[in-house]
Amino acid sequence: QVHLAESGGGLVQPGGSLRLSCAASSTSALGAIGWFRQAPGKEREGLSSITVRDGKTFYKDSVKGRFTISRDNAKNTVFLQMNNLKPEDTAIYYCAAATDATPLFHIANMRTRSYDYWGQGTQVTVSS
């Protein structure tokens, strides 16, 4: 069992930035960690993912160029730097982990059912 804990959410004005953190209890059996979000009334969507072993990154078009995913393997932590935030970025942000048996194309596509462990989420609100 892997436990994930997100932090770093909050209220930010449009155009502002936030850095989310996802601390994992262990990454030894993980293939990747990803970031997802869910806005009220909408389905959960994948944003970005990073492989644990070699740091390969993937982004959805909606956040490419604005969000950057990174990792600190020594601290079992993955970050999501979010810049130029927009009101439509308002959502609960979750990190999730896929095991090392997960095919790379599932990791890259960020299908929610391919990720086995989920954090509790952190609220991000973009508003003036």
Protein backbone atom coordinates (compact mmCIF):
# COMPACT_ATOMS: atom_id res chain seq x y z
CA GLN A 1 0.00 0.00 0.00
CA VAL A 2 1.27 3.44 -0.93
CA HIS A 3 0.05 6.59 0.77
CA LEU A 4 0.06 9.92 -1.03
CA ALA A 5 -0.36 13.35 0.51
CA GLU A 6 -0.87 16.53 -1.49
CA SER A 7 -0.11 20.02 -0.25
CA GLY A 8 0.29 23.52 -1.63
CA GLY A 9 -3.21 24.37 -2.77
CA GLY A 10 -4.92 27.64 -1.97
CA LEU A 11 -6.46 30.80 -3.34
CA VAL A 12 -4.58 32.66 -6.05
CA GLN A 13 -5.42 35.51 -8.40
CA PRO A 14 -5.61 34.98 -12.17
CA GLY A 15 -2.13 35.01 -13.64
CA GLY A 16 -0.61 33.84 -10.39
CA SER A 17 1.35 30.71 -9.55
CA LEU A 18 1.16 27.81 -7.14
CA ARG A 19 3.41 24.83 -6.49
CA LEU A 20 1.75 21.61 -5.44
CA SER A 21 3.62 18.82 -3.69
CA CYS A 22 2.83 15.12 -3.53
CA ALA A 23 4.67 13.12 -0.89
CA ALA A 24 4.63 9.35 -1.32
CA SER A 25 5.21 6.90 1.53
CA SER A 26 7.33 4.83 -0.84
CA THR A 27 8.18 4.79 -4.53
CA SER A 28 9.99 1.46 -4.72
CA ALA A 29 7.12 -0.33 -6.47
CA LEU A 30 5.88 2.62 -8.49
CA GLY A 31 6.21 3.30 -12.17
CA ALA A 32 4.89 6.84 -12.22
CA ILE A 33 3.13 9.57 -10.31
CA GLY A 34 0.59 11.81 -11.97
CA TRP A 35 -1.45 14.91 -11.26
CA PHE A 36 -5.18 15.07 -11.89
CA ARG A 37 -7.93 17.53 -11.14
CA GLN A 38 -11.67 17.53 -10.79
CA ALA A 39 -13.84 20.60 -11.05
CA PRO A 40 -17.42 20.68 -9.76
CA GLY A 41 -19.73 18.83 -12.11
CA LYS A 42 -16.89 17.59 -14.29
CA GLU A 43 -15.01 14.34 -14.66
CA ARG A 44 -11.57 13.89 -13.19
CA GLU A 45 -8.93 14.69 -15.79
CA GLY A 46 -5.25 13.90 -16.03
CA LEU A 47 -2.83 16.82 -16.30
CA SER A 48 0.71 15.55 -16.13
CA SER A 49 2.70 12.51 -15.13
CA ILE A 50 6.31 11.60 -14.49
CA THR A 51 8.01 8.22 -14.43
CA VAL A 52 9.76 7.38 -11.20
CA ARG A 53 12.81 5.66 -12.62
CA ASP A 54 13.93 8.01 -15.40
CA GLY A 55 11.85 11.16 -14.97
CA LYS A 56 10.09 11.00 -18.31
CA THR A 57 7.31 13.60 -18.36
CA PHE A 58 3.94 13.84 -20.05
CA TYR A 59 1.47 16.70 -20.29
CA LYS A 60 -2.05 17.20 -21.50
CA ASP A 61 -2.48 19.99 -24.03
CA SER A 62 -4.62 22.02 -21.64
CA VAL A 63 -1.66 22.66 -19.33
CA LYS A 64 1.35 22.30 -21.61
CA GLY A 65 3.54 25.37 -21.34
CA ARG A 66 1.95 26.53 -18.07
CA PHE A 67 2.45 23.55 -15.73
CA THR A 68 5.72 21.77 -15.01
CA ILE A 69 6.05 18.43 -13.23
CA SER A 70 9.23 17.43 -11.44
CA ARG A 71 10.40 14.97 -8.82
CA ASP A 72 12.78 14.68 -5.89
CA ASN A 73 13.47 10.97 -5.58
CA ALA A 74 15.43 11.42 -2.34
CA LYS A 75 12.28 12.78 -0.72
CA ASN A 76 9.75 10.59 -2.60
CA THR A 77 8.07 13.80 -3.66
CA VAL A 78 6.62 15.03 -6.95
CA PHE A 79 5.84 18.66 -7.64
CA LEU A 80 3.51 20.48 -9.99
CA GLN A 81 4.50 24.06 -10.69
CA MET A 82 1.50 25.92 -12.04
CA ASN A 83 1.98 29.31 -13.70
CA ASN A 84 -0.37 31.77 -15.35
CA LEU A 85 -3.33 30.27 -13.56
CA LYS A 86 -6.80 30.89 -14.92
CA PRO A 87 -10.23 30.75 -13.26
CA GLU A 88 -10.94 27.55 -15.20
CA ASP A 89 -8.04 25.90 -13.36
CA THR A 90 -10.15 25.98 -10.20
CA ALA A 91 -10.57 22.40 -9.01
CA ILE A 92 -9.49 19.82 -6.47
CA TYR A 93 -6.05 18.59 -7.48
CA TYR A 94 -5.07 15.00 -6.80
CA CYS A 95 -1.87 13.11 -7.17
CA ALA A 96 -1.98 9.45 -8.01
CA ALA A 97 0.51 6.64 -8.43
CA ALA A 98 0.75 3.83 -10.93
CA THR A 99 2.66 0.65 -10.18
CA ASP A 100 5.77 -0.33 -12.09
CA ALA A 101 3.69 -2.91 -13.97
CA THR A 102 1.69 -0.17 -15.69
CA PRO A 103 2.42 0.14 -19.41
CA LEU A 104 4.07 3.42 -20.37
CA PHE A 105 1.30 4.40 -22.79
CA HIS A 106 -1.24 4.17 -19.94
CA ILE A 107 0.99 6.39 -17.82
CA ALA A 108 1.31 8.86 -20.68
CA ASN A 109 -2.43 8.91 -21.36
CA MET A 110 -3.18 9.48 -17.69
CA ARG A 111 -6.24 7.30 -17.62
CA THR A 112 -7.57 7.42 -14.07
CA ARG A 113 -8.17 3.68 -13.97
CA SER A 114 -4.48 3.03 -14.66
CA TYR A 115 -3.49 4.71 -11.41
CA ASP A 116 -3.80 2.58 -8.30
CA TYR A 117 -3.20 4.90 -5.38
CA TRP A 118 -4.73 8.31 -4.78
CA GLY A 119 -4.23 11.16 -2.39
CA GLN A 120 -7.04 13.07 -0.68
CA GLY A 121 -6.68 16.11 -2.90
CA THR A 122 -5.94 19.78 -2.38
CA GLN A 123 -8.20 22.66 -3.38
CA VAL A 124 -6.96 25.23 -5.88
CA THR A 125 -9.10 28.31 -6.40
CA VAL A 126 -8.23 30.93 -8.99
CA SER A 127 -10.23 34.07 -8.44
CA SER A 128 -9.84 37.81 -8.15
